[in-house]
Each structure stands twice: as C-alpha cells, then as structure tokens.
Amino acid sequence: MSPYYFYLAATVFFVLGIKGLCKVKTARNGNRMAAIGMALAVLGVIMAVSSPAFEGGPSLSWGWTIAGLAIGG
C-alpha cells in the first residue's frame, strides 16, 4: 500500500479535527481526530522511509525512530 494514501487520510483527519476544535462541545472529538491524523502521517512516513524506493535523505534507521518515539512520548 502506498504511503500517499496515509498522507491523504491524515490530511482529511487534520482538517476535520481543526473543524471540531471550533466549538467546546466538539473539541474533545476534534482533538481525537487530529491525533488519529498525526498517527496516520507518522505511519506513512515510516512506510515511505522503509520502502526500497526511498533514495537519499538522511541516514535513518529503526534505532533513531524508536529513540524519537521514546523521547517524544
């Protein structure tokens, strides 16, 4: 599966999440939707970097990814 689908879904969730943050009653659900969008975006980046078609860029490894997740929570 292409990571671009994850980027597209993440964009939709971000937009809907921001829309949900406009009212007090829907803010909790909007925050949840934005968090789902962020998770999809991170998953898309991991899929893109892990694919054999990824060329160039910084030297990335699973160690750096896990360390970043541990530090960032």
C-alpha atoms as a PDB file:
ATOM      1  CA  MET A   1       0.000   0.000   0.000  1.00  0.00           C
ATOM      2  CA  SER A   2       1.304   3.408  -0.931  1.00  0.00           C
ATOM      3  CA  PRO A   3       2.148   5.865   1.857  1.00  0.00           C
ATOM      4  CA  TYR A   4       0.361   8.564  -0.131  1.00  0.00           C
ATOM      5  CA  TYR A   5      -2.973   7.072   0.920  1.00  0.00           C
ATOM      6  CA  PHE A   6      -1.924   7.529   4.537  1.00  0.00           C
ATOM      7  CA  TYR A   7      -0.978  11.158   3.810  1.00  0.00           C
ATOM      8  CA  LEU A   8      -4.353  11.767   2.192  1.00  0.00           C
ATOM      9  CA  ALA A   9      -6.249  10.213   5.107  1.00  0.00           C
ATOM     10  CA  ALA A  10      -4.090  12.159   7.578  1.00  0.00           C
ATOM     11  CA  THR A  11      -4.943  15.408   5.790  1.00  0.00           C
ATOM     12  CA  VAL A  12      -8.658  14.669   5.988  1.00  0.00           C
ATOM     13  CA  PHE A  13      -8.423  13.837   9.690  1.00  0.00           C
ATOM     14  CA  PHE A  14      -6.405  17.010  10.385  1.00  0.00           C
ATOM     15  CA  VAL A  15      -8.935  19.223   8.625  1.00  0.00           C
ATOM     16  CA  LEU A  16     -11.868  17.575  10.377  1.00  0.00           C
ATOM     17  CA  GLY A  17     -10.010  17.781  13.685  1.00  0.00           C
ATOM     18  CA  ILE A  18      -9.382  21.503  13.291  1.00  0.00           C
ATOM     19  CA  LYS A  19     -13.020  21.992  12.355  1.00  0.00           C
ATOM     20  CA  GLY A  20     -14.019  20.098  15.511  1.00  0.00           C
ATOM     21  CA  LEU A  21     -11.875  22.338  17.705  1.00  0.00           C
ATOM     22  CA  CYS A  22     -14.055  25.355  16.908  1.00  0.00           C
ATOM     23  CA  LYS A  23     -16.745  24.526  19.471  1.00  0.00           C
ATOM     24  CA  VAL A  24     -16.452  23.497  23.103  1.00  0.00           C
ATOM     25  CA  LYS A  25     -18.848  20.571  22.675  1.00  0.00           C
ATOM     26  CA  THR A  26     -16.874  19.051  19.801  1.00  0.00           C
ATOM     27  CA  ALA A  27     -13.337  19.932  20.921  1.00  0.00           C
ATOM     28  CA  ARG A  28     -12.619  16.553  22.504  1.00  0.00           C
ATOM     29  CA  ASN A  29     -13.662  14.690  19.367  1.00  0.00           C
ATOM     30  CA  GLY A  30     -11.745  17.165  17.185  1.00  0.00           C
ATOM     31  CA  ASN A  31      -8.591  16.629  19.206  1.00  0.00           C
ATOM     32  CA  ARG A  32      -9.014  12.865  18.870  1.00  0.00           C
ATOM     33  CA  MET A  33      -9.436  13.129  15.104  1.00  0.00           C
ATOM     34  CA  ALA A  34      -6.329  15.300  14.786  1.00  0.00           C
ATOM     35  CA  ALA A  35      -4.366  12.751  16.840  1.00  0.00           C
ATOM     36  CA  ILE A  36      -5.503   9.972  14.518  1.00  0.00           C
ATOM     37  CA  GLY A  37      -4.380  12.095  11.580  1.00  0.00           C
ATOM     38  CA  MET A  38      -0.952  12.541  13.147  1.00  0.00           C
ATOM     39  CA  ALA A  39      -0.633   8.798  13.738  1.00  0.00           C
ATOM     40  CA  LEU A  40      -1.510   8.118  10.104  1.00  0.00           C
ATOM     41  CA  ALA A  41       1.047  10.691   8.951  1.00  0.00           C
ATOM     42  CA  VAL A  42       3.780   9.102  11.083  1.00  0.00           C
ATOM     43  CA  LEU A  43       2.840   5.657   9.782  1.00  0.00           C
ATOM     44  CA  GLY A  44       3.010   6.960   6.213  1.00  0.00           C
ATOM     45  CA  VAL A  45       6.478   8.407   6.784  1.00  0.00           C
ATOM     46  CA  ILE A  46       7.710   5.143   8.306  1.00  0.00           C
ATOM     47  CA  MET A  47       6.323   3.237   5.325  1.00  0.00           C
ATOM     48  CA  ALA A  48       7.909   5.672   2.861  1.00  0.00           C
ATOM     49  CA  VAL A  49      11.332   5.530   4.512  1.00  0.00           C
ATOM     50  CA  SER A  50      11.217   1.749   4.874  1.00  0.00           C
ATOM     51  CA  SER A  51      10.409   1.161   1.212  1.00  0.00           C
ATOM     52  CA  PRO A  52      13.204   0.131  -1.150  1.00  0.00           C
ATOM     53  CA  ALA A  53      12.322   3.037  -3.455  1.00  0.00           C
ATOM     54  CA  PHE A  54      13.458   5.590  -0.844  1.00  0.00           C
ATOM     55  CA  GLU A  55      16.623   7.272  -2.079  1.00  0.00           C
ATOM     56  CA  GLY A  56      18.879   9.810  -0.467  1.00  0.00           C
ATOM     57  CA  GLY A  57      17.902  11.794   2.551  1.00  0.00           C
ATOM     58  CA  PRO A  58      19.438  11.425   5.967  1.00  0.00           C
ATOM     59  CA  SER A  59      20.684   8.117   7.249  1.00  0.00           C
ATOM     60  CA  LEU A  60      17.639   6.680   9.001  1.00  0.00           C
ATOM     61  CA  SER A  61      17.342   3.524  10.999  1.00  0.00           C
ATOM     62  CA  TRP A  62      14.797   1.926  13.300  1.00  0.00           C
ATOM     63  CA  GLY A  63      17.022   2.819  16.255  1.00  0.00           C
ATOM     64  CA  TRP A  64      16.583   6.550  15.609  1.00  0.00           C
ATOM     65  CA  THR A  65      12.861   6.084  15.077  1.00  0.00           C
ATOM     66  CA  ILE A  66      12.404   4.220  18.359  1.00  0.00           C
ATOM     67  CA  ALA A  67      14.582   6.719  20.229  1.00  0.00           C
ATOM     68  CA  GLY A  68      12.493   9.609  18.881  1.00  0.00           C
ATOM     69  CA  LEU A  69       9.284   7.882  19.914  1.00  0.00           C
ATOM     70  CA  ALA A  70      10.679   7.220  23.391  1.00  0.00           C
ATOM     71  CA  ILE A  71      11.736  10.836  23.868  1.00  0.00           C
ATOM     72  CA  GLY A  72       8.625  12.364  22.351  1.00  0.00           C
ATOM     73  CA  GLY A  73       6.211  10.023  24.057  1.00  0.00           C
END
